[in-house]
Amino acid sequence: MSTSDTMARQGNILLNPLVHYGVPTMNAVIILAIAFTFVEAGMTRNAMLLVAVVEVVAAPLVMKRAGRQTA
């Protein structure tokens, strides 16, 4: 059995809600941990907080759309 046959039988991973909400959430947690552990308060930390918020809000929408287009 080839790898492409195995992948064809599996569903699209981007349609799994655990993936399109879990991955951005974990990315945001990592960004926040770095922001509060290693970065001093100021513009850099604020920019990192903004990136974490955008990651949690926008990435699931993009992943859902990509999953629908590839399905």
Foldseek 3Di string as FASTA:
>chain_A
DDPVVVVVPDAQPLQDPCVLQVVLQVVLVVLLCCLVPPNDDDDVSVVSNVVSVCSNPPSSVVSNVVSVVVD
